Amino acid sequence: MPTNELIPSLLFRLNENQLAIAAAVEELALWVDERGHAAVAESVRETLGTLDGNLEHITRGIAELMND
């Protein structure tokens, strides 16, 4: 695969991995919350907010790279 196709493809897969990890961490936060540790679960969710906040920018950038 040529380099100009490899970079967007790799970024796309890294983004998919990031989303999967975030989903798994959210599930763990739910589990922690159900066991009475709401403060810990909330802290995790606040940190996941950073991922959510960057998601649109990352997705748009990958789409632009893939269209080039």
PDB file of N, CA and C in Angstrom:
ATOM      1  N   MET A   1       0.856  -1.183   0.000  1.00  0.00           N
ATOM      2  CA  MET A   1       0.000   0.000   0.000  1.00  0.00           C
ATOM      3  C   MET A   1       0.896   1.237   0.000  1.00  0.00           C
ATOM      4  N   PRO A   2       0.686   2.162  -0.920  1.00  0.00           N
ATOM      5  CA  PRO A   2       1.496   3.380  -0.965  1.00  0.00           C
ATOM      6  C   PRO A   2       1.331   4.212   0.323  1.00  0.00           C
ATOM      7  N   THR A   3       2.368   4.966   0.644  1.00  0.00           N
ATOM      8  CA  THR A   3       2.367   5.772   1.864  1.00  0.00           C
ATOM      9  C   THR A   3       1.188   6.729   1.920  1.00  0.00           C
ATOM     10  N   ASN A   4       0.818   7.329   0.782  1.00  0.00           N
ATOM     11  CA  ASN A   4      -0.279   8.291   0.782  1.00  0.00           C
ATOM     12  C   ASN A   4      -1.618   7.632   1.114  1.00  0.00           C
ATOM     13  N   GLU A   5      -1.735   6.323   0.984  1.00  0.00           N
ATOM     14  CA  GLU A   5      -2.934   5.598   1.386  1.00  0.00           C
ATOM     15  C   GLU A   5      -2.780   4.983   2.767  1.00  0.00           C
ATOM     16  N   LEU A   6      -1.557   4.687   3.158  1.00  0.00           N
ATOM     17  CA  LEU A   6      -1.293   4.012   4.426  1.00  0.00           C
ATOM     18  C   LEU A   6      -1.605   4.900   5.629  1.00  0.00           C
ATOM     19  N   ILE A   7      -1.188   6.146   5.588  1.00  0.00           N
ATOM     20  CA  ILE A   7      -1.367   7.034   6.736  1.00  0.00           C
ATOM     21  C   ILE A   7      -2.849   7.225   7.084  1.00  0.00           C
ATOM     22  N   PRO A   8      -3.712   7.582   6.149  1.00  0.00           N
ATOM     23  CA  PRO A   8      -5.133   7.709   6.506  1.00  0.00           C
ATOM     24  C   PRO A   8      -5.731   6.404   7.025  1.00  0.00           C
ATOM     25  N   SER A   9      -5.333   5.287   6.421  1.00  0.00           N
ATOM     26  CA  SER A   9      -5.843   3.995   6.847  1.00  0.00           C
ATOM     27  C   SER A   9      -5.428   3.688   8.288  1.00  0.00           C
ATOM     28  N   LEU A  10      -4.178   3.956   8.592  1.00  0.00           N
ATOM     29  CA  LEU A  10      -3.696   3.733   9.959  1.00  0.00           C
ATOM     30  C   LEU A  10      -4.402   4.653  10.956  1.00  0.00           C
ATOM     31  N   LEU A  11      -4.561   5.916  10.592  1.00  0.00           N
ATOM     32  CA  LEU A  11      -5.253   6.851  11.470  1.00  0.00           C
ATOM     33  C   LEU A  11      -6.700   6.437  11.704  1.00  0.00           C
ATOM     34  N   PHE A  12      -7.361   5.959  10.658  1.00  0.00           N
ATOM     35  CA  PHE A  12      -8.739   5.493  10.779  1.00  0.00           C
ATOM     36  C   PHE A  12      -8.829   4.344  11.775  1.00  0.00           C
ATOM     37  N   ARG A  13      -7.914   3.391  11.660  1.00  0.00           N
ATOM     38  CA  ARG A  13      -7.932   2.241  12.571  1.00  0.00           C
ATOM     39  C   ARG A  13      -7.554   2.638  13.991  1.00  0.00           C
ATOM     40  N   LEU A  14      -6.623   3.547  14.140  1.00  0.00           N
ATOM     41  CA  LEU A  14      -6.290   4.047  15.481  1.00  0.00           C
ATOM     42  C   LEU A  14      -7.492   4.741  16.111  1.00  0.00           C
ATOM     43  N   ASN A  15      -8.225   5.494  15.313  1.00  0.00           N
ATOM     44  CA  ASN A  15      -9.426   6.150  15.814  1.00  0.00           C
ATOM     45  C   ASN A  15     -10.473   5.113  16.227  1.00  0.00           C
ATOM     46  N   GLU A  16     -10.632   4.069  15.431  1.00  0.00           N
ATOM     47  CA  GLU A  16     -11.563   2.994  15.805  1.00  0.00           C
ATOM     48  C   GLU A  16     -11.150   2.355  17.121  1.00  0.00           C
ATOM     49  N   ASN A  17      -9.858   2.124  17.293  1.00  0.00           N
ATOM     50  CA  ASN A  17      -9.358   1.554  18.544  1.00  0.00           C
ATOM     51  C   ASN A  17      -9.649   2.488  19.718  1.00  0.00           C
ATOM     52  N   GLN A  18      -9.447   3.770  19.518  1.00  0.00           N
ATOM     53  CA  GLN A  18      -9.705   4.750  20.573  1.00  0.00           C
ATOM     54  C   GLN A  18     -11.173   4.714  20.985  1.00  0.00           C
ATOM     55  N   LEU A  19     -12.065   4.638  20.001  1.00  0.00           N
ATOM     56  CA  LEU A  19     -13.497   4.574  20.293  1.00  0.00           C
ATOM     57  C   LEU A  19     -13.854   3.297  21.049  1.00  0.00           C
ATOM     58  N   ALA A  20     -13.248   2.184  20.666  1.00  0.00           N
ATOM     59  CA  ALA A  20     -13.513   0.913  21.339  1.00  0.00           C
ATOM     60  C   ALA A  20     -13.016   0.944  22.783  1.00  0.00           C
ATOM     61  N   ILE A  21     -11.844   1.499  22.999  1.00  0.00           N
ATOM     62  CA  ILE A  21     -11.307   1.611  24.354  1.00  0.00           C
ATOM     63  C   ILE A  21     -12.187   2.521  25.201  1.00  0.00           C
ATOM     64  N   ALA A  22     -12.628   3.629  24.628  1.00  0.00           N
ATOM     65  CA  ALA A  22     -13.511   4.549  25.354  1.00  0.00           C
ATOM     66  C   ALA A  22     -14.809   3.854  25.748  1.00  0.00           C
ATOM     67  N   ALA A  23     -15.371   3.052  24.856  1.00  0.00           N
ATOM     68  CA  ALA A  23     -16.602   2.330  25.161  1.00  0.00           C
ATOM     69  C   ALA A  23     -16.376   1.322  26.296  1.00  0.00           C
ATOM     70  N   ALA A  24     -15.248   0.649  26.259  1.00  0.00           N
ATOM     71  CA  ALA A  24     -14.935  -0.314  27.317  1.00  0.00           C
ATOM     72  C   ALA A  24     -14.752   0.393  28.661  1.00  0.00           C
ATOM     73  N   VAL A  25     -14.075   1.522  28.649  1.00  0.00           N
ATOM     74  CA  VAL A  25     -13.863   2.281  29.886  1.00  0.00           C
ATOM     75  C   VAL A  25     -15.193   2.798  30.423  1.00  0.00           C
ATOM     76  N   GLU A  26     -16.089   3.214  29.543  1.00  0.00           N
ATOM     77  CA  GLU A  26     -17.419   3.662  29.977  1.00  0.00           C
ATOM     78  C   GLU A  26     -18.176   2.516  30.643  1.00  0.00           C
ATOM     79  N   GLU A  27     -18.065   1.317  30.086  1.00  0.00           N
ATOM     80  CA  GLU A  27     -18.700   0.144  30.707  1.00  0.00           C
ATOM     81  C   GLU A  27     -18.133  -0.100  32.103  1.00  0.00           C
ATOM     82  N   LEU A  28     -16.842   0.051  32.234  1.00  0.00           N
ATOM     83  CA  LEU A  28     -16.221  -0.109  33.557  1.00  0.00           C
ATOM     84  C   LEU A  28     -16.702   0.970  34.524  1.00  0.00           C
ATOM     85  N   ALA A  29     -16.869   2.194  34.020  1.00  0.00           N
ATOM     86  CA  ALA A  29     -17.383   3.278  34.867  1.00  0.00           C
ATOM     87  C   ALA A  29     -18.789   2.951  35.355  1.00  0.00           C
ATOM     88  N   LEU A  30     -19.618   2.392  34.477  1.00  0.00           N
ATOM     89  CA  LEU A  30     -20.962   1.967  34.885  1.00  0.00           C
ATOM     90  C   LEU A  30     -20.893   0.908  35.982  1.00  0.00           C
ATOM     91  N   TRP A  31     -20.013  -0.054  35.811  1.00  0.00           N
ATOM     92  CA  TRP A  31     -19.841  -1.135  36.784  1.00  0.00           C
ATOM     93  C   TRP A  31     -19.393  -0.571  38.131  1.00  0.00           C
ATOM     94  N   VAL A  32     -18.445   0.352  38.101  1.00  0.00           N
ATOM     95  CA  VAL A  32     -17.947   0.989  39.327  1.00  0.00           C
ATOM     96  C   VAL A  32     -19.069   1.787  39.995  1.00  0.00           C
ATOM     97  N   ASP A  33     -19.825   2.505  39.202  1.00  0.00           N
ATOM     98  CA  ASP A  33     -20.938   3.316  39.714  1.00  0.00           C
ATOM     99  C   ASP A  33     -21.982   2.430  40.400  1.00  0.00           C
ATOM    100  N   GLU A  34     -22.293   1.300  39.797  1.00  0.00           N
ATOM    101  CA  GLU A  34     -23.276   0.370  40.366  1.00  0.00           C
ATOM    102  C   GLU A  34     -22.825  -0.203  41.702  1.00  0.00           C
ATOM    103  N   ARG A  35     -21.535  -0.173  41.966  1.00  0.00           N
ATOM    104  CA  ARG A  35     -20.995  -0.698  43.210  1.00  0.00           C
ATOM    105  C   ARG A  35     -20.755   0.395  44.246  1.00  0.00           C
ATOM    106  N   GLY A  36     -21.344   1.562  43.994  1.00  0.00           N
ATOM    107  CA  GLY A  36     -21.335   2.613  44.999  1.00  0.00           C
ATOM    108  C   GLY A  36     -20.169   3.572  44.965  1.00  0.00           C
ATOM    109  N   HIS A  37     -19.446   3.613  43.882  1.00  0.00           N
ATOM    110  CA  HIS A  37     -18.307   4.520  43.777  1.00  0.00           C
ATOM    111  C   HIS A  37     -18.592   5.582  42.716  1.00  0.00           C
ATOM    112  N   ALA A  38     -19.617   6.348  42.967  1.00  0.00           N
ATOM    113  CA  ALA A  38     -20.077   7.345  41.990  1.00  0.00           C
ATOM    114  C   ALA A  38     -19.012   8.388  41.686  1.00  0.00           C
ATOM    115  N   ALA A  39     -18.229   8.782  42.679  1.00  0.00           N
ATOM    116  CA  ALA A  39     -17.205   9.809  42.452  1.00  0.00           C
ATOM    117  C   ALA A  39     -16.136   9.318  41.476  1.00  0.00           C
ATOM    118  N   VAL A  40     -15.747   8.064  41.608  1.00  0.00           N
ATOM    119  CA  VAL A  40     -14.753   7.491  40.701  1.00  0.00           C
ATOM    120  C   VAL A  40     -15.337   7.399  39.293  1.00  0.00           C
ATOM    121  N   ALA A  41     -16.566   6.918  39.197  1.00  0.00           N
ATOM    122  CA  ALA A  41     -17.216   6.795  37.890  1.00  0.00           C
ATOM    123  C   ALA A  41     -17.346   8.158  37.221  1.00  0.00           C
ATOM    124  N   GLU A  42     -17.700   9.179  37.983  1.00  0.00           N
ATOM    125  CA  GLU A  42     -17.837  10.527  37.421  1.00  0.00           C
ATOM    126  C   GLU A  42     -16.490  11.063  36.938  1.00  0.00           C
ATOM    127  N   SER A  43     -15.441  10.787  37.692  1.00  0.00           N
ATOM    128  CA  SER A  43     -14.100  11.212  37.280  1.00  0.00           C
ATOM    129  C   SER A  43     -13.710  10.566  35.953  1.00  0.00           C
ATOM    130  N   VAL A  44     -14.021   9.289  35.810  1.00  0.00           N
ATOM    131  CA  VAL A  44     -13.734   8.580  34.555  1.00  0.00           C
ATOM    132  C   VAL A  44     -14.519   9.212  33.413  1.00  0.00           C
ATOM    133  N   ARG A  45     -15.790   9.486  33.654  1.00  0.00           N
ATOM    134  CA  ARG A  45     -16.628  10.076  32.597  1.00  0.00           C
ATOM    135  C   ARG A  45     -16.138  11.470  32.202  1.00  0.00           C
ATOM    136  N   GLU A  46     -15.670  12.240  33.163  1.00  0.00           N
ATOM    137  CA  GLU A  46     -15.130  13.564  32.832  1.00  0.00           C
ATOM    138  C   GLU A  46     -13.906  13.435  31.940  1.00  0.00           C
ATOM    139  N   THR A  47     -13.063  12.472  32.234  1.00  0.00           N
ATOM    140  CA  THR A  47     -11.872  12.242  31.414  1.00  0.00           C
ATOM    141  C   THR A  47     -12.256  11.775  30.016  1.00  0.00           C
ATOM    142  N   LEU A  48     -13.273  10.923  29.915  1.00  0.00           N
ATOM    143  CA  LEU A  48     -13.751  10.478  28.604  1.00  0.00           C
ATOM    144  C   LEU A  48     -14.312  11.644  27.803  1.00  0.00           C
ATOM    145  N   GLY A  49     -14.731  12.691  28.478  1.00  0.00           N
ATOM    146  CA  GLY A  49     -15.222  13.883  27.791  1.00  0.00           C
ATOM    147  C   GLY A  49     -14.177  14.491  26.873  1.00  0.00           C
ATOM    148  N   THR A  50     -12.917  14.371  27.231  1.00  0.00           N
ATOM    149  CA  THR A  50     -11.838  14.862  26.368  1.00  0.00           C
ATOM    150  C   THR A  50     -11.850  14.120  25.039  1.00  0.00           C
ATOM    151  N   LEU A  51     -12.030  12.806  25.107  1.00  0.00           N
ATOM    152  CA  LEU A  51     -12.108  12.020  23.872  1.00  0.00           C
ATOM    153  C   LEU A  51     -13.294  12.464  23.034  1.00  0.00           C
ATOM    154  N   ASP A  52     -14.430  12.640  23.683  1.00  0.00           N
ATOM    155  CA  ASP A  52     -15.624  13.079  22.957  1.00  0.00           C
ATOM    156  C   ASP A  52     -15.423  14.453  22.338  1.00  0.00           C
ATOM    157  N   GLY A  53     -14.759  15.334  23.072  1.00  0.00           N
ATOM    158  CA  GLY A  53     -14.541  16.686  22.576  1.00  0.00           C
ATOM    159  C   GLY A  53     -13.650  16.740  21.350  1.00  0.00           C
ATOM    160  N   ASN A  54     -12.748  15.791  21.238  1.00  0.00           N
ATOM    161  CA  ASN A  54     -11.817  15.760  20.101  1.00  0.00           C
ATOM    162  C   ASN A  54     -12.309  14.907  18.942  1.00  0.00           C
ATOM    163  N   LEU A  55     -13.350  14.136  19.162  1.00  0.00           N
ATOM    164  CA  LEU A  55     -13.791  13.161  18.175  1.00  0.00           C
ATOM    165  C   LEU A  55     -14.146  13.787  16.829  1.00  0.00           C
ATOM    166  N   GLU A  56     -14.913  14.854  16.826  1.00  0.00           N
ATOM    167  CA  GLU A  56     -15.340  15.461  15.562  1.00  0.00           C
ATOM    168  C   GLU A  56     -14.144  15.960  14.757  1.00  0.00           C
ATOM    169  N   HIS A  57     -13.213  16.614  15.423  1.00  0.00           N
ATOM    170  CA  HIS A  57     -12.033  17.142  14.737  1.00  0.00           C
ATOM    171  C   HIS A  57     -11.200  16.003  14.140  1.00  0.00           C
ATOM    172  N   ILE A  58     -10.998  14.955  14.911  1.00  0.00           N
ATOM    173  CA  ILE A  58     -10.213  13.816  14.433  1.00  0.00           C
ATOM    174  C   ILE A  58     -10.909  13.141  13.256  1.00  0.00           C
ATOM    175  N   THR A  59     -12.209  12.918  13.381  1.00  0.00           N
ATOM    176  CA  THR A  59     -12.969  12.264  12.321  1.00  0.00           C
ATOM    177  C   THR A  59     -12.927  13.080  11.039  1.00  0.00           C
ATOM    178  N   ARG A  60     -13.094  14.388  11.176  1.00  0.00           N
ATOM    179  CA  ARG A  60     -13.053  15.265   9.997  1.00  0.00           C
ATOM    180  C   ARG A  60     -11.675  15.233   9.341  1.00  0.00           C
ATOM    181  N   GLY A  61     -10.623  15.266  10.155  1.00  0.00           N
ATOM    182  CA  GLY A  61      -9.274  15.238   9.608  1.00  0.00           C
ATOM    183  C   GLY A  61      -8.961  13.940   8.875  1.00  0.00           C
ATOM    184  N   ILE A  62      -9.401  12.828   9.453  1.00  0.00           N
ATOM    185  CA  ILE A  62      -9.175  11.539   8.795  1.00  0.00           C
ATOM    186  C   ILE A  62      -9.948  11.487   7.483  1.00  0.00           C
ATOM    187  N   ALA A  63     -11.186  11.979   7.491  1.00  0.00           N
ATOM    188  CA  ALA A  63     -11.988  11.982   6.257  1.00  0.00           C
ATOM    189  C   ALA A  63     -11.307  12.802   5.172  1.00  0.00           C
ATOM    190  N   GLU A  64     -10.747  13.942   5.532  1.00  0.00           N
ATOM    191  CA  GLU A  64     -10.048  14.771   4.546  1.00  0.00           C
ATOM    192  C   GLU A  64      -8.830  14.047   4.004  1.00  0.00           C
ATOM    193  N   LEU A  65      -8.068  13.381   4.879  1.00  0.00           N
ATOM    194  CA  LEU A  65      -6.902  12.652   4.416  1.00  0.00           C
ATOM    195  C   LEU A  65      -7.299  11.506   3.466  1.00  0.00           C
ATOM    196  N   MET A  66      -8.405  10.849   3.772  1.00  0.00           N
ATOM    197  CA  MET A  66      -8.839   9.731   2.946  1.00  0.00           C
ATOM    198  C   MET A  66      -9.366  10.185   1.591  1.00  0.00           C
ATOM    199  N   ASN A  67      -9.845  11.425   1.523  1.00  0.00           N
ATOM    200  CA  ASN A  67     -10.353  11.964   0.259  1.00  0.00           C
ATOM    201  C   ASN A  67      -9.249  12.493  -0.636  1.00  0.00           C
ATOM    202  N   ASP A  68      -8.067  12.714  -0.083  1.00  0.00           N
ATOM    203  CA  ASP A  68      -6.947  13.219  -0.893  1.00  0.00           C
ATOM    204  C   ASP A  68      -6.399  12.183  -1.836  1.00  0.00           C
TER     205      ASP A  68
END
